[in-house]
Amino acid sequence: QRELDAFLTREQANAKLHTTIHNLTTMCWDKCITSTPSNKFSSAEASCLTNCVDRFLDTSLFLIKSLQNRRESE
């Protein structure tokens, strides 16, 4: 039973990660890619994608830390 629980927990975490990556990809793609993609992103598109991902990760870390602090103070 413990092995099954551990397996399910890992699979749920994996699914959550894939969902986050999908959402991040969709959000940043829609925001940054304004023309038909070619073999290479323009410098503006590459910069936008980098900044979008960085801001998404910064925001996610901020929210996680805020929730942890809130739990610890309760």
N, C-alpha and C. Protein backbone atom coordinates (compact mmCIF):
# COMPACT_ATOMS: atom_id res chain seq x y z
N GLN A 1 0.82 -1.20 0.00
CA GLN A 1 0.00 0.00 0.00
C GLN A 1 0.87 1.27 0.00
N ARG A 2 1.95 1.25 0.76
CA ARG A 2 2.84 2.42 0.82
C ARG A 2 3.48 2.69 -0.54
N GLU A 3 3.88 1.61 -1.20
CA GLU A 3 4.49 1.78 -2.52
C GLU A 3 3.50 2.38 -3.50
N LEU A 4 2.26 1.93 -3.43
CA LEU A 4 1.23 2.47 -4.31
C LEU A 4 0.98 3.94 -4.00
N ASP A 5 0.90 4.29 -2.72
CA ASP A 5 0.71 5.69 -2.33
C ASP A 5 1.86 6.56 -2.82
N ALA A 6 3.08 6.06 -2.67
CA ALA A 6 4.26 6.82 -3.12
C ALA A 6 4.23 6.99 -4.64
N PHE A 7 3.86 5.93 -5.33
CA PHE A 7 3.77 5.99 -6.79
C PHE A 7 2.73 7.01 -7.23
N LEU A 8 1.56 6.97 -6.60
CA LEU A 8 0.50 7.91 -6.95
C LEU A 8 0.90 9.35 -6.66
N THR A 9 1.59 9.56 -5.56
CA THR A 9 2.06 10.90 -5.21
C THR A 9 3.04 11.41 -6.26
N ARG A 10 3.97 10.55 -6.68
CA ARG A 10 4.93 10.94 -7.72
C ARG A 10 4.22 11.25 -9.04
N GLU A 11 3.26 10.43 -9.39
CA GLU A 11 2.53 10.64 -10.64
C GLU A 11 1.71 11.92 -10.60
N GLN A 12 1.12 12.23 -9.46
CA GLN A 12 0.36 13.48 -9.33
C GLN A 12 1.29 14.68 -9.45
N ALA A 13 2.46 14.60 -8.84
CA ALA A 13 3.44 15.68 -8.94
C ALA A 13 3.90 15.84 -10.39
N ASN A 14 4.12 14.73 -11.06
CA ASN A 14 4.53 14.76 -12.46
C ASN A 14 3.45 15.39 -13.33
N ALA A 15 2.20 15.03 -13.09
CA ALA A 15 1.09 15.60 -13.86
C ALA A 15 0.97 17.10 -13.60
N LYS A 16 1.16 17.51 -12.36
CA LYS A 16 1.09 18.93 -12.02
C LYS A 16 2.21 19.70 -12.72
N LEU A 17 3.40 19.12 -12.77
CA LEU A 17 4.52 19.75 -13.46
C LEU A 17 4.21 19.91 -14.95
N HIS A 18 3.68 18.87 -15.57
CA HIS A 18 3.35 18.93 -16.99
C HIS A 18 2.27 19.99 -17.25
N THR A 19 1.30 20.10 -16.37
CA THR A 19 0.26 21.12 -16.51
C THR A 19 0.85 22.51 -16.42
N THR A 20 1.75 22.70 -15.46
CA THR A 20 2.40 24.01 -15.30
C THR A 20 3.21 24.37 -16.53
N ILE A 21 3.96 23.42 -17.05
CA ILE A 21 4.77 23.66 -18.25
C ILE A 21 3.86 24.00 -19.44
N HIS A 22 2.77 23.29 -19.57
CA HIS A 22 1.83 23.56 -20.67
C HIS A 22 1.26 24.97 -20.54
N ASN A 23 0.83 25.34 -19.34
CA ASN A 23 0.26 26.67 -19.12
C ASN A 23 1.29 27.76 -19.39
N LEU A 24 2.50 27.54 -18.93
CA LEU A 24 3.59 28.50 -19.15
C LEU A 24 3.87 28.64 -20.64
N THR A 25 3.96 27.54 -21.33
CA THR A 25 4.23 27.57 -22.76
C THR A 25 3.14 28.32 -23.51
N THR A 26 1.90 28.01 -23.21
CA THR A 26 0.78 28.67 -23.87
C THR A 26 0.77 30.16 -23.60
N MET A 27 0.92 30.53 -22.34
CA MET A 27 0.87 31.94 -21.95
C MET A 27 1.99 32.73 -22.63
N CYS A 28 3.21 32.24 -22.52
CA CYS A 28 4.35 32.98 -23.08
C CYS A 28 4.33 32.97 -24.61
N TRP A 29 3.91 31.88 -25.21
CA TRP A 29 3.83 31.82 -26.67
C TRP A 29 2.83 32.85 -27.17
N ASP A 30 1.64 32.87 -26.57
CA ASP A 30 0.61 33.81 -27.00
C ASP A 30 1.04 35.26 -26.81
N LYS A 31 1.79 35.51 -25.77
CA LYS A 31 2.23 36.87 -25.48
C LYS A 31 3.37 37.31 -26.39
N CYS A 32 4.30 36.43 -26.68
CA CYS A 32 5.57 36.83 -27.31
C CYS A 32 5.68 36.56 -28.80
N ILE A 33 5.00 35.56 -29.29
CA ILE A 33 5.15 35.19 -30.70
C ILE A 33 4.00 35.83 -31.47
N THR A 34 4.32 36.91 -32.18
CA THR A 34 3.28 37.69 -32.85
C THR A 34 3.25 37.46 -34.35
N SER A 35 4.23 36.78 -34.88
CA SER A 35 4.26 36.51 -36.31
C SER A 35 4.35 35.00 -36.53
N THR A 36 4.31 34.59 -37.76
CA THR A 36 4.45 33.17 -38.07
C THR A 36 5.88 32.74 -37.75
N PRO A 37 6.02 31.73 -36.91
CA PRO A 37 7.38 31.31 -36.52
C PRO A 37 8.17 30.78 -37.71
N SER A 38 9.45 31.07 -37.69
CA SER A 38 10.35 30.53 -38.72
C SER A 38 11.32 29.59 -38.03
N ASN A 39 12.47 29.38 -38.62
CA ASN A 39 13.47 28.48 -38.03
C ASN A 39 14.05 29.01 -36.74
N LYS A 40 13.96 30.32 -36.55
CA LYS A 40 14.61 30.95 -35.41
C LYS A 40 13.74 32.10 -34.91
N PHE A 41 13.70 32.28 -33.58
CA PHE A 41 12.98 33.41 -33.02
C PHE A 41 13.74 34.69 -33.30
N SER A 42 13.00 35.78 -33.46
CA SER A 42 13.67 37.07 -33.56
C SER A 42 14.26 37.41 -32.20
N SER A 43 15.15 38.38 -32.15
CA SER A 43 15.76 38.74 -30.86
C SER A 43 14.70 39.27 -29.90
N ALA A 44 13.72 40.00 -30.41
CA ALA A 44 12.64 40.50 -29.55
C ALA A 44 11.80 39.36 -29.00
N GLU A 45 11.50 38.38 -29.84
CA GLU A 45 10.71 37.23 -29.39
C GLU A 45 11.49 36.42 -28.35
N ALA A 46 12.76 36.19 -28.60
CA ALA A 46 13.59 35.43 -27.66
C ALA A 46 13.68 36.14 -26.32
N SER A 47 13.86 37.45 -26.37
CA SER A 47 13.94 38.23 -25.13
C SER A 47 12.61 38.19 -24.39
N CYS A 48 11.52 38.33 -25.11
CA CYS A 48 10.19 38.29 -24.50
C CYS A 48 9.94 36.93 -23.86
N LEU A 49 10.27 35.85 -24.55
CA LEU A 49 10.07 34.51 -24.00
C LEU A 49 10.89 34.31 -22.74
N THR A 50 12.14 34.75 -22.76
CA THR A 50 13.00 34.62 -21.58
C THR A 50 12.42 35.39 -20.40
N ASN A 51 12.02 36.63 -20.65
CA ASN A 51 11.45 37.45 -19.58
C ASN A 51 10.13 36.88 -19.07
N CYS A 52 9.32 36.38 -19.97
CA CYS A 52 8.03 35.79 -19.58
C CYS A 52 8.23 34.59 -18.66
N VAL A 53 9.13 33.70 -19.03
CA VAL A 53 9.40 32.52 -18.21
C VAL A 53 9.99 32.94 -16.86
N ASP A 54 10.93 33.89 -16.88
CA ASP A 54 11.53 34.35 -15.63
C ASP A 54 10.48 34.95 -14.70
N ARG A 55 9.59 35.78 -15.23
CA ARG A 55 8.55 36.39 -14.39
C ARG A 55 7.58 35.34 -13.86
N PHE A 56 7.25 34.37 -14.69
CA PHE A 56 6.36 33.30 -14.26
C PHE A 56 6.98 32.53 -13.10
N LEU A 57 8.26 32.19 -13.23
CA LEU A 57 8.94 31.45 -12.16
C LEU A 57 9.09 32.30 -10.91
N ASP A 58 9.42 33.58 -11.07
CA ASP A 58 9.52 34.48 -9.92
C ASP A 58 8.19 34.57 -9.18
N THR A 59 7.12 34.71 -9.93
CA THR A 59 5.79 34.80 -9.33
C THR A 59 5.42 33.51 -8.62
N SER A 60 5.70 32.39 -9.25
CA SER A 60 5.40 31.09 -8.63
C SER A 60 6.16 30.91 -7.32
N LEU A 61 7.45 31.24 -7.32
CA LEU A 61 8.24 31.13 -6.09
C LEU A 61 7.73 32.06 -5.02
N PHE A 62 7.36 33.28 -5.40
CA PHE A 62 6.81 34.23 -4.44
C PHE A 62 5.54 33.69 -3.80
N LEU A 63 4.65 33.15 -4.62
CA LEU A 63 3.40 32.60 -4.09
C LEU A 63 3.64 31.41 -3.17
N ILE A 64 4.56 30.54 -3.55
CA ILE A 64 4.87 29.37 -2.72
C ILE A 64 5.43 29.82 -1.38
N LYS A 65 6.36 30.77 -1.39
CA LYS A 65 6.94 31.26 -0.14
C LYS A 65 5.89 31.94 0.72
N SER A 66 4.99 32.69 0.10
CA SER A 66 3.93 33.36 0.84
C SER A 66 3.01 32.35 1.51
N LEU A 67 2.66 31.30 0.78
CA LEU A 67 1.80 30.26 1.36
C LEU A 67 2.50 29.52 2.50
N GLN A 68 3.80 29.25 2.32
CA GLN A 68 4.55 28.59 3.39
C GLN A 68 4.61 29.46 4.63
N ASN A 69 4.86 30.75 4.45
CA ASN A 69 4.91 31.66 5.59
C ASN A 69 3.56 31.75 6.29
N ARG A 70 2.50 31.75 5.52
CA ARG A 70 1.15 31.81 6.09
C ARG A 70 0.87 30.55 6.91
N ARG A 71 1.25 29.39 6.38
CA ARG A 71 1.05 28.13 7.11
C ARG A 71 1.84 28.11 8.41
N GLU A 72 3.08 28.59 8.35
CA GLU A 72 3.94 28.58 9.53
C GLU A 72 3.43 29.53 10.61
N SER A 73 2.77 30.61 10.21
CA SER A 73 2.29 31.58 11.20
C SER A 73 0.94 31.19 11.79
N GLU A 74 0.29 30.19 11.22
CA GLU A 74 -1.02 29.76 11.75
C GLU A 74 -0.87 28.86 12.94
